[in-house]
Amino acid sequence: MISKNLHKELLPHLFRQEYAKMTAVLCRHFGLKHIEVAEDIASDTFLKASEHWAINGIPENPTAWLYTVAKNKTKDYFKNLSVFETKIKNEPTINIQNEHDFGFDNQLISDSLLAMIFAVCNPANPTEAQICLALQILCGFSVEEIANAFLAKQETIKKRLHRARTNLRNDNFQIKSLSETEIKSRLDTVLKTLYLLFNEGYFSKTNNQQIRKNLCSEAVRLALLLTENPLTNTPQTNAILALMCFQSSRLEARTNDKGEAILFEEQDRNLWDKSLIERGNYYLVNATNGNEISKYHLEAGLAYWHTTPTDENRWQHILQLYNQLVLIEYSPITALNRTFAFAKVYGNQTAIVEAEKLNLFDSNYYHELLGYLYADTNIIKAIEHYEQAIKLTKSKTEKQTLKNAVSQLQKV
């Protein structure tokens, strides 16, 4: 047995890693219409672990212990027919064939979790609802944690989840080995959900830094799963995973001890995770095994140039990629980032003209960029833009970073 005192640290980690897998296999057995039954069994399994391990210590193989308990609880559930009939009265009967052969093997877990990802990414649900559902079902996040990530009220998240779950139950999607048709029809939605899930962590407005990093790591974990299946191991999948690895490599360097943001050029590169950069390079090479160039390819390329050793033409490469990205999928943020790269190549004064053409007066990033561009030539204007950005942003971290910039300019 492992030390009893470690269970409080290990269980949350195992919950993140195994809860979704366990639920997926159970849903494969019960059907998505009865996802709550599967979640109840999975939750009860971890509750029992919490109680048992506190007294008896952690078993030598805690993961195997969890799945053994889940398997036994499932069998007990089927035996208790009266409780079973009461719980789903007036509902279609759960498919209970082969319940005696029920188990958790690695291939079954992998196949079931992959199918669950595609089930959760239901095009019938709005994008935010898909992300909320992914956080809850695939990542094991609580309603409170999801609300923190979205800076939303818990009641709002509960309603969003309720509607999304209703659509999920009514979708008749089967948790089984996916067909090529099912994968092709939903892969774009799956990748978009994982992309937004990662960004929700990477650009999170919440002050809870742990939530931000967890969101990123969960998105990476799910994207990795896609690369392990031949049908989902596509150039786009590899591109998005490369992007996530490159971006994740700089997480530790993006904030200081006070939680304040550190600008890219001021980051301590010794804090960059070189192993993640190498993995990003690996997946970026894999992403070139095709003729398609998606927005994920371009963004992964941008992230590559931000993490590669200094190159005298680096900003020219970055600007070229932004030029392509703006054409493929325009967004105000992309346009502003392109203008920043434009400034690096052609100078701040020329970039100011480009920036002001955007007319994004309601964007704090617009004013933040102009504050940066004016800083060397017109301090008064720079401060005006920074102060406007402070008014517009809702992030405490960003407000503090901008206030620091204003203080530096006032000393000049």
Protein backbone atom coordinates (compact mmCIF):
# COMPACT_ATOMS: atom_id res chain seq x y z
CA MET A 1 0.00 0.00 0.00
CA ILE A 2 1.06 3.60 -0.71
CA SER A 3 0.94 6.17 2.09
CA LYS A 4 -2.62 7.01 3.19
CA ASN A 5 -1.92 10.75 3.22
CA LEU A 6 -1.34 10.89 -0.53
CA HIS A 7 -4.91 10.03 -1.51
CA LYS A 8 -6.08 13.67 -1.31
CA GLU A 9 -3.47 14.63 -3.91
CA LEU A 10 -3.85 11.57 -6.14
CA LEU A 11 -7.64 11.35 -6.36
CA PRO A 12 -8.26 14.71 -8.09
CA HIS A 13 -5.59 13.78 -10.65
CA LEU A 14 -7.14 10.35 -11.26
CA PHE A 15 -10.59 11.92 -11.44
CA ARG A 16 -9.42 14.21 -14.25
CA GLN A 17 -7.74 11.33 -16.07
CA GLU A 18 -10.18 8.45 -15.58
CA TYR A 19 -13.67 9.83 -14.94
CA ALA A 20 -14.35 10.59 -18.61
CA LYS A 21 -12.97 7.22 -19.73
CA MET A 22 -15.11 5.39 -17.19
CA THR A 23 -18.23 7.34 -18.14
CA ALA A 24 -17.60 6.73 -21.85
CA VAL A 25 -17.38 2.95 -21.44
CA LEU A 26 -20.50 2.92 -19.26
CA CYS A 27 -22.37 5.02 -21.84
CA ARG A 28 -21.31 2.55 -24.49
CA HIS A 29 -23.08 -0.08 -22.38
CA PHE A 30 -26.13 1.92 -21.28
CA GLY A 31 -26.58 4.27 -24.22
CA LEU A 32 -26.40 8.07 -24.14
CA LYS A 33 -30.06 8.34 -23.15
CA HIS A 34 -28.98 7.15 -19.72
CA ILE A 35 -25.76 9.12 -19.36
CA GLU A 36 -26.79 10.16 -15.83
CA VAL A 37 -26.76 6.48 -14.77
CA ALA A 38 -23.23 6.12 -16.11
CA GLU A 39 -22.11 9.31 -14.37
CA ASP A 40 -23.70 8.19 -11.08
CA ILE A 41 -21.74 4.93 -11.14
CA ALA A 42 -18.49 6.72 -12.03
CA SER A 43 -19.04 9.31 -9.27
CA ASP A 44 -19.89 6.62 -6.72
CA THR A 45 -16.68 4.82 -7.65
CA PHE A 46 -14.55 7.85 -6.82
CA LEU A 47 -16.55 8.50 -3.66
CA LYS A 48 -15.82 4.96 -2.49
CA ALA A 49 -12.14 5.45 -3.33
CA SER A 50 -12.05 8.62 -1.23
CA GLU A 51 -13.57 6.83 1.76
CA HIS A 52 -11.67 3.55 1.40
CA TRP A 53 -8.24 5.01 0.66
CA ALA A 54 -8.47 7.46 3.57
CA ILE A 55 -8.71 4.50 5.93
CA ASN A 56 -6.75 1.77 4.17
CA GLY A 57 -4.29 3.72 2.06
CA ILE A 58 -3.92 3.82 -1.70
CA PRO A 59 -3.70 0.41 -3.43
CA GLU A 60 -0.59 -0.48 -5.44
CA ASN A 61 -2.52 -0.05 -8.70
CA PRO A 62 -5.10 2.67 -7.96
CA THR A 63 -6.39 2.90 -11.55
CA ALA A 64 -7.08 -0.84 -11.74
CA TRP A 65 -8.77 -0.63 -8.33
CA LEU A 66 -11.11 2.10 -9.63
CA TYR A 67 -12.13 0.12 -12.69
CA THR A 68 -12.70 -3.03 -10.64
CA VAL A 69 -15.04 -1.10 -8.34
CA ALA A 70 -16.82 0.47 -11.32
CA LYS A 71 -17.28 -2.96 -12.89
CA ASN A 72 -18.74 -4.38 -9.66
CA LYS A 73 -21.02 -1.39 -9.17
CA THR A 74 -22.32 -1.85 -12.72
CA LYS A 75 -23.10 -5.51 -12.10
CA ASP A 76 -24.81 -4.63 -8.80
CA TYR A 77 -26.87 -2.02 -10.61
CA PHE A 78 -28.19 -4.57 -13.08
CA LYS A 79 -29.04 -7.01 -10.30
CA ASN A 80 -31.14 -4.43 -8.49
CA LEU A 81 -34.00 -4.49 -10.98
CA SER A 82 -36.50 -2.69 -8.79
CA VAL A 83 -34.21 0.33 -8.38
CA PHE A 84 -33.42 0.10 -12.08
CA GLU A 85 -37.10 0.19 -13.09
CA THR A 86 -37.88 3.05 -10.73
CA LYS A 87 -34.95 5.17 -11.91
CA ILE A 88 -35.92 5.08 -15.59
CA LYS A 89 -39.68 4.60 -15.32
CA ASN A 90 -41.48 5.44 -18.57
CA GLU A 91 -38.13 5.58 -20.35
CA PRO A 92 -36.78 3.15 -23.00
CA THR A 93 -35.16 0.15 -21.36
CA ILE A 94 -31.41 0.11 -20.96
CA ASN A 95 -29.71 -2.49 -23.12
CA ILE A 96 -28.44 -5.01 -20.57
CA GLN A 97 -27.29 -7.78 -22.85
CA ASN A 98 -23.84 -9.21 -22.12
CA GLU A 99 -23.71 -7.44 -18.77
CA HIS A 100 -21.86 -10.41 -17.32
CA ASP A 101 -19.05 -9.87 -19.85
CA PHE A 102 -18.78 -6.19 -18.97
CA GLY A 103 -15.26 -4.89 -18.43
CA PHE A 104 -12.70 -2.14 -19.01
CA ASP A 105 -9.85 -3.01 -21.37
CA ASN A 106 -7.51 -0.42 -22.87
CA GLN A 107 -8.85 -0.68 -26.42
CA LEU A 108 -12.46 -0.44 -25.26
CA ILE A 109 -11.64 2.61 -23.14
CA SER A 110 -9.83 4.33 -26.02
CA ASP A 111 -12.60 3.59 -28.55
CA SER A 112 -15.34 4.64 -26.13
CA LEU A 113 -13.66 7.92 -25.16
CA LEU A 114 -13.06 8.80 -28.81
CA ALA A 115 -16.74 8.14 -29.59
CA MET A 116 -17.76 10.21 -26.55
CA ILE A 117 -15.74 13.17 -27.86
CA PHE A 118 -17.68 13.00 -31.12
CA ALA A 119 -20.97 12.63 -29.24
CA VAL A 120 -20.30 15.69 -27.05
CA CYS A 121 -19.33 17.78 -30.09
CA ASN A 122 -22.91 17.76 -31.33
CA PRO A 123 -23.49 20.34 -34.09
CA ALA A 124 -27.04 20.77 -32.75
CA ASN A 125 -25.55 22.55 -29.72
CA PRO A 126 -24.13 26.10 -29.82
CA THR A 127 -20.33 26.31 -29.64
CA GLU A 128 -20.24 27.51 -26.01
CA ALA A 129 -22.57 24.69 -24.99
CA GLN A 130 -20.26 22.16 -26.66
CA ILE A 131 -17.30 23.52 -24.71
CA CYS A 132 -19.24 23.45 -21.43
CA LEU A 133 -20.30 19.86 -22.09
CA ALA A 134 -16.75 18.90 -23.01
CA LEU A 135 -15.44 20.43 -19.79
CA GLN A 136 -18.00 18.60 -17.67
CA ILE A 137 -18.17 15.18 -19.35
CA LEU A 138 -14.74 14.81 -20.93
CA CYS A 139 -12.65 16.75 -18.40
CA GLY A 140 -14.57 16.25 -15.16
CA PHE A 141 -14.96 19.96 -14.39
CA SER A 142 -17.55 21.09 -11.87
CA VAL A 143 -20.22 23.67 -12.68
CA GLU A 144 -18.30 26.17 -10.53
CA GLU A 145 -15.05 25.59 -12.46
CA ILE A 146 -16.83 25.96 -15.79
CA ALA A 147 -18.47 29.17 -14.59
CA ASN A 148 -15.04 30.49 -13.58
CA ALA A 149 -13.59 29.66 -16.99
CA PHE A 150 -16.41 31.51 -18.78
CA LEU A 151 -16.72 34.28 -16.20
CA ALA A 152 -20.41 33.39 -16.06
CA LYS A 153 -22.92 32.76 -13.29
CA GLN A 154 -23.29 29.15 -12.18
CA GLU A 155 -27.02 29.30 -12.92
CA THR A 156 -26.27 30.31 -16.50
CA ILE A 157 -23.89 27.37 -16.90
CA LYS A 158 -26.45 24.97 -15.39
CA LYS A 159 -29.08 26.03 -17.92
CA ARG A 160 -26.59 25.79 -20.78
CA LEU A 161 -25.57 22.28 -19.70
CA HIS A 162 -29.18 21.17 -19.26
CA ARG A 163 -30.09 22.15 -22.82
CA ALA A 164 -26.91 20.59 -24.22
CA ARG A 165 -27.48 17.33 -22.33
CA THR A 166 -31.06 17.13 -23.61
CA ASN A 167 -29.78 17.42 -27.18
CA LEU A 168 -27.09 14.85 -26.41
CA ARG A 169 -29.63 12.31 -25.13
CA ASN A 170 -31.96 12.90 -28.07
CA ASP A 171 -29.25 12.65 -30.72
CA ASN A 172 -29.26 8.81 -30.94
CA PHE A 173 -25.48 8.88 -31.35
CA GLN A 174 -23.99 5.50 -30.52
CA ILE A 175 -20.96 5.16 -28.25
CA LYS A 176 -19.22 2.49 -30.28
CA SER A 177 -16.47 2.22 -32.86
CA LEU A 178 -16.98 5.19 -35.13
CA SER A 179 -17.60 4.84 -38.84
CA GLU A 180 -15.65 6.90 -41.35
CA THR A 181 -18.88 8.73 -42.24
CA GLU A 182 -19.54 9.73 -38.61
CA ILE A 183 -15.99 10.96 -38.24
CA LYS A 184 -16.01 13.01 -41.44
CA SER A 185 -19.32 14.64 -40.54
CA ARG A 186 -18.15 15.83 -37.10
CA LEU A 187 -14.36 16.09 -37.13
CA ASP A 188 -14.40 19.80 -37.99
CA THR A 189 -16.73 20.43 -35.03
CA VAL A 190 -14.56 18.30 -32.74
CA LEU A 191 -11.39 20.18 -33.71
CA LYS A 192 -13.10 23.54 -33.32
CA THR A 193 -14.33 22.57 -29.84
CA LEU A 194 -10.85 21.44 -28.75
CA TYR A 195 -9.35 24.62 -30.25
CA LEU A 196 -11.79 26.82 -28.33
CA LEU A 197 -11.33 24.73 -25.18
CA PHE A 198 -7.58 25.32 -25.36
CA ASN A 199 -8.02 29.05 -26.04
CA GLU A 200 -10.44 29.34 -23.14
CA GLY A 201 -7.51 28.32 -20.97
CA TYR A 202 -4.69 30.08 -22.78
CA PHE A 203 -6.47 33.43 -23.00
CA SER A 204 -8.63 32.94 -19.92
CA LYS A 205 -9.89 36.04 -18.12
CA THR A 206 -10.27 34.21 -14.82
CA ASN A 207 -7.84 34.92 -12.01
CA ASN A 208 -7.65 31.20 -11.21
CA GLN A 209 -4.38 30.27 -12.89
CA GLN A 210 -4.81 26.56 -12.16
CA ILE A 211 -8.06 26.46 -14.12
CA ARG A 212 -6.34 28.01 -17.11
CA LYS A 213 -3.56 25.43 -17.18
CA ASN A 214 -5.98 22.57 -16.67
CA LEU A 215 -8.04 23.69 -19.64
CA CYS A 216 -4.95 23.69 -21.84
CA SER A 217 -3.74 20.29 -20.64
CA GLU A 218 -7.19 18.72 -21.10
CA ALA A 219 -7.41 20.03 -24.67
CA VAL A 220 -3.94 18.59 -25.41
CA ARG A 221 -4.91 15.24 -23.88
CA LEU A 222 -8.04 14.96 -26.02
CA ALA A 223 -6.22 16.06 -29.17
CA LEU A 224 -3.56 13.43 -28.52
CA LEU A 225 -6.29 10.80 -28.43
CA LEU A 226 -7.37 11.85 -31.93
CA THR A 227 -3.86 11.24 -33.27
CA GLU A 228 -3.95 7.67 -31.98
CA ASN A 229 -6.79 6.64 -34.31
CA PRO A 230 -6.05 6.28 -38.06
CA LEU A 231 -9.38 7.88 -39.03
CA THR A 232 -8.82 11.00 -36.91
CA ASN A 233 -5.05 11.29 -37.30
CA THR A 234 -5.42 13.90 -40.05
CA PRO A 235 -3.14 16.81 -41.05
CA GLN A 236 -5.57 19.23 -39.37
CA THR A 237 -5.49 17.21 -36.13
CA ASN A 238 -1.69 17.24 -36.13
CA ALA A 239 -1.68 20.97 -36.89
CA ILE A 240 -3.93 21.81 -33.96
CA LEU A 241 -1.88 19.58 -31.64
CA ALA A 242 1.33 21.28 -32.81
CA LEU A 243 -0.26 24.65 -32.04
CA MET A 244 -1.27 23.50 -28.56
CA CYS A 245 2.22 22.16 -27.81
CA PHE A 246 3.96 25.35 -28.94
CA GLN A 247 1.58 27.55 -26.95
CA SER A 248 1.70 25.33 -23.85
CA SER A 249 5.49 25.46 -23.87
CA ARG A 250 5.33 29.15 -22.84
CA LEU A 251 2.66 28.92 -20.13
CA GLU A 252 5.07 29.14 -17.20
CA ALA A 253 6.74 32.23 -18.65
CA ARG A 254 3.57 34.21 -19.39
CA THR A 255 2.92 35.42 -15.83
CA ASN A 256 5.06 36.47 -12.89
CA ASP A 257 4.72 35.46 -9.23
CA LYS A 258 1.98 38.06 -8.76
CA GLY A 259 -0.07 36.65 -11.63
CA GLU A 260 0.69 39.65 -13.84
CA ALA A 261 1.10 39.07 -17.57
CA ILE A 262 4.60 39.13 -19.04
CA LEU A 263 4.84 40.34 -22.64
CA PHE A 264 6.35 37.91 -25.13
CA GLU A 265 9.56 39.91 -25.65
CA GLU A 266 10.15 40.08 -21.87
CA GLN A 267 9.59 36.38 -21.14
CA ASP A 268 12.36 34.29 -19.59
CA ARG A 269 13.07 31.74 -22.32
CA ASN A 270 14.69 29.44 -19.78
CA LEU A 271 11.15 28.82 -18.50
CA TRP A 272 9.94 27.62 -21.91
CA ASP A 273 9.34 23.88 -22.00
CA LYS A 274 11.75 22.64 -24.69
CA SER A 275 10.25 19.13 -24.72
CA LEU A 276 6.86 20.59 -25.66
CA ILE A 277 8.48 22.66 -28.40
CA GLU A 278 10.08 19.50 -29.80
CA ARG A 279 6.72 17.73 -29.73
CA GLY A 280 5.20 20.72 -31.49
CA ASN A 281 7.84 20.40 -34.22
CA TYR A 282 7.03 16.70 -34.57
CA TYR A 283 3.29 17.25 -35.00
CA LEU A 284 3.85 20.23 -37.31
CA VAL A 285 5.90 17.99 -39.64
CA ASN A 286 3.10 15.39 -39.52
CA ALA A 287 0.61 18.12 -40.41
CA THR A 288 2.30 18.59 -43.79
CA ASN A 289 1.23 15.12 -44.97
CA GLY A 290 -1.52 16.50 -47.16
CA ASN A 291 -2.39 19.28 -49.57
CA GLU A 292 -4.75 21.25 -47.30
CA ILE A 293 -3.63 24.37 -45.46
CA SER A 294 -6.11 25.12 -42.68
CA LYS A 295 -6.18 27.96 -40.15
CA TYR A 296 -4.70 25.48 -37.68
CA HIS A 297 -1.68 25.02 -39.97
CA LEU A 298 -1.17 28.77 -40.18
CA GLU A 299 -1.57 29.33 -36.43
CA ALA A 300 0.78 26.43 -35.70
CA GLY A 301 3.28 28.05 -38.06
CA LEU A 302 2.91 31.34 -36.19
CA ALA A 303 3.44 29.59 -32.87
CA TYR A 304 6.51 27.84 -34.32
CA TRP A 305 8.13 31.15 -35.27
CA HIS A 306 7.40 32.47 -31.77
CA THR A 307 9.25 29.55 -30.14
CA THR A 308 12.07 28.90 -32.61
CA PRO A 309 15.56 30.36 -31.98
CA THR A 310 15.87 33.97 -33.11
CA ASP A 311 15.95 34.36 -36.91
CA GLU A 312 16.62 37.69 -38.56
CA ASN A 313 13.65 37.15 -40.90
CA ARG A 314 11.34 35.80 -38.21
CA TRP A 315 8.87 38.69 -38.28
CA GLN A 316 8.70 38.60 -42.08
CA HIS A 317 7.65 34.93 -41.86
CA ILE A 318 5.12 35.77 -39.15
CA LEU A 319 3.64 38.63 -41.18
CA GLN A 320 3.28 36.40 -44.26
CA LEU A 321 1.40 33.81 -42.20
CA TYR A 322 -0.90 36.48 -40.76
CA ASN A 323 -1.58 37.76 -44.28
CA GLN A 324 -2.81 34.26 -45.22
CA LEU A 325 -4.73 33.80 -41.98
CA VAL A 326 -6.66 37.05 -42.42
CA LEU A 327 -7.81 35.81 -45.82
CA ILE A 328 -8.82 32.35 -44.60
CA GLU A 329 -10.66 33.44 -41.46
CA TYR A 330 -10.79 37.13 -40.58
CA SER A 331 -11.22 38.19 -36.97
CA PRO A 332 -10.45 41.47 -35.17
CA ILE A 333 -7.81 39.75 -33.01
CA THR A 334 -6.09 38.28 -36.07
CA ALA A 335 -6.10 41.71 -37.74
CA LEU A 336 -4.58 43.33 -34.64
CA ASN A 337 -1.93 40.62 -34.30
CA ARG A 338 -1.09 41.05 -37.98
CA THR A 339 -0.64 44.78 -37.39
CA PHE A 340 1.77 44.08 -34.52
CA ALA A 341 3.83 41.88 -36.86
CA PHE A 342 3.55 44.60 -39.52
CA ALA A 343 5.10 47.04 -37.03
CA LYS A 344 8.02 44.70 -36.44
CA VAL A 345 8.74 44.60 -40.17
CA TYR A 346 7.92 48.16 -41.30
CA GLY A 347 8.13 50.21 -38.10
CA ASN A 348 5.62 51.63 -35.61
CA GLN A 349 4.72 54.77 -37.52
CA THR A 350 3.65 52.85 -40.63
CA ALA A 351 1.80 50.34 -38.45
CA ILE A 352 -0.18 53.10 -36.70
CA VAL A 353 -1.78 53.98 -40.05
CA GLU A 354 -2.65 50.29 -40.57
CA ALA A 355 -4.03 49.94 -37.04
CA GLU A 356 -6.25 53.02 -37.19
CA LYS A 357 -7.84 51.76 -40.42
CA LEU A 358 -9.32 48.88 -38.37
CA ASN A 359 -11.57 51.23 -36.35
CA LEU A 360 -11.95 48.70 -33.53
CA PHE A 361 -12.75 51.39 -30.96
CA ASP A 362 -14.64 49.02 -28.63
CA SER A 363 -11.74 46.57 -28.36
CA ASN A 364 -9.31 46.89 -25.47
CA TYR A 365 -6.71 45.09 -27.63
CA TYR A 366 -7.03 47.82 -30.29
CA HIS A 367 -6.21 50.54 -27.77
CA GLU A 368 -3.53 48.39 -26.16
CA LEU A 369 -1.83 47.98 -29.55
CA LEU A 370 -2.01 51.70 -30.32
CA GLY A 371 -0.65 52.48 -26.87
CA TYR A 372 2.32 50.24 -27.66
CA LEU A 373 2.83 51.75 -31.14
CA TYR A 374 2.68 55.37 -29.91
CA ALA A 375 4.90 54.78 -26.87
CA ASP A 376 8.17 55.80 -28.58
CA THR A 377 6.91 58.94 -30.33
CA ASN A 378 3.81 60.32 -28.58
CA ILE A 379 3.62 59.46 -24.89
CA ILE A 380 0.41 61.44 -24.33
CA LYS A 381 -1.44 59.51 -27.03
CA ALA A 382 0.05 56.24 -25.82
CA ILE A 383 -1.23 56.84 -22.29
CA GLU A 384 -4.67 57.83 -23.64
CA HIS A 385 -4.98 54.55 -25.50
CA TYR A 386 -3.69 52.50 -22.56
CA GLU A 387 -6.19 54.17 -20.24
CA GLN A 388 -9.02 53.44 -22.69
CA ALA A 389 -7.88 49.81 -22.80
CA ILE A 390 -7.99 49.70 -18.99
CA LYS A 391 -11.62 50.88 -19.07
CA LEU A 392 -12.62 48.27 -21.65
CA THR A 393 -10.92 45.13 -20.34
CA LYS A 394 -12.64 42.98 -17.71
CA SER A 395 -9.48 41.13 -16.78
CA LYS A 396 -7.81 42.19 -13.54
CA THR A 397 -4.51 40.80 -14.81
CA GLU A 398 -4.70 42.84 -18.01
CA LYS A 399 -5.71 45.98 -16.09
CA GLN A 400 -2.63 45.66 -13.90
CA THR A 401 -0.34 45.04 -16.87
CA LEU A 402 -1.70 48.13 -18.62
CA LYS A 403 -1.41 50.24 -15.47
CA ASN A 404 2.24 49.19 -15.24
CA ALA A 405 2.76 50.32 -18.85
CA VAL A 406 1.20 53.71 -18.06
CA SER A 407 3.40 54.10 -14.98
CA GLN A 408 6.52 53.40 -17.05
CA LEU A 409 5.52 56.03 -19.62
CA GLN A 410 4.80 58.63 -16.93
CA LYS A 411 8.38 58.24 -15.66
CA VAL A 412 9.83 59.06 -19.07
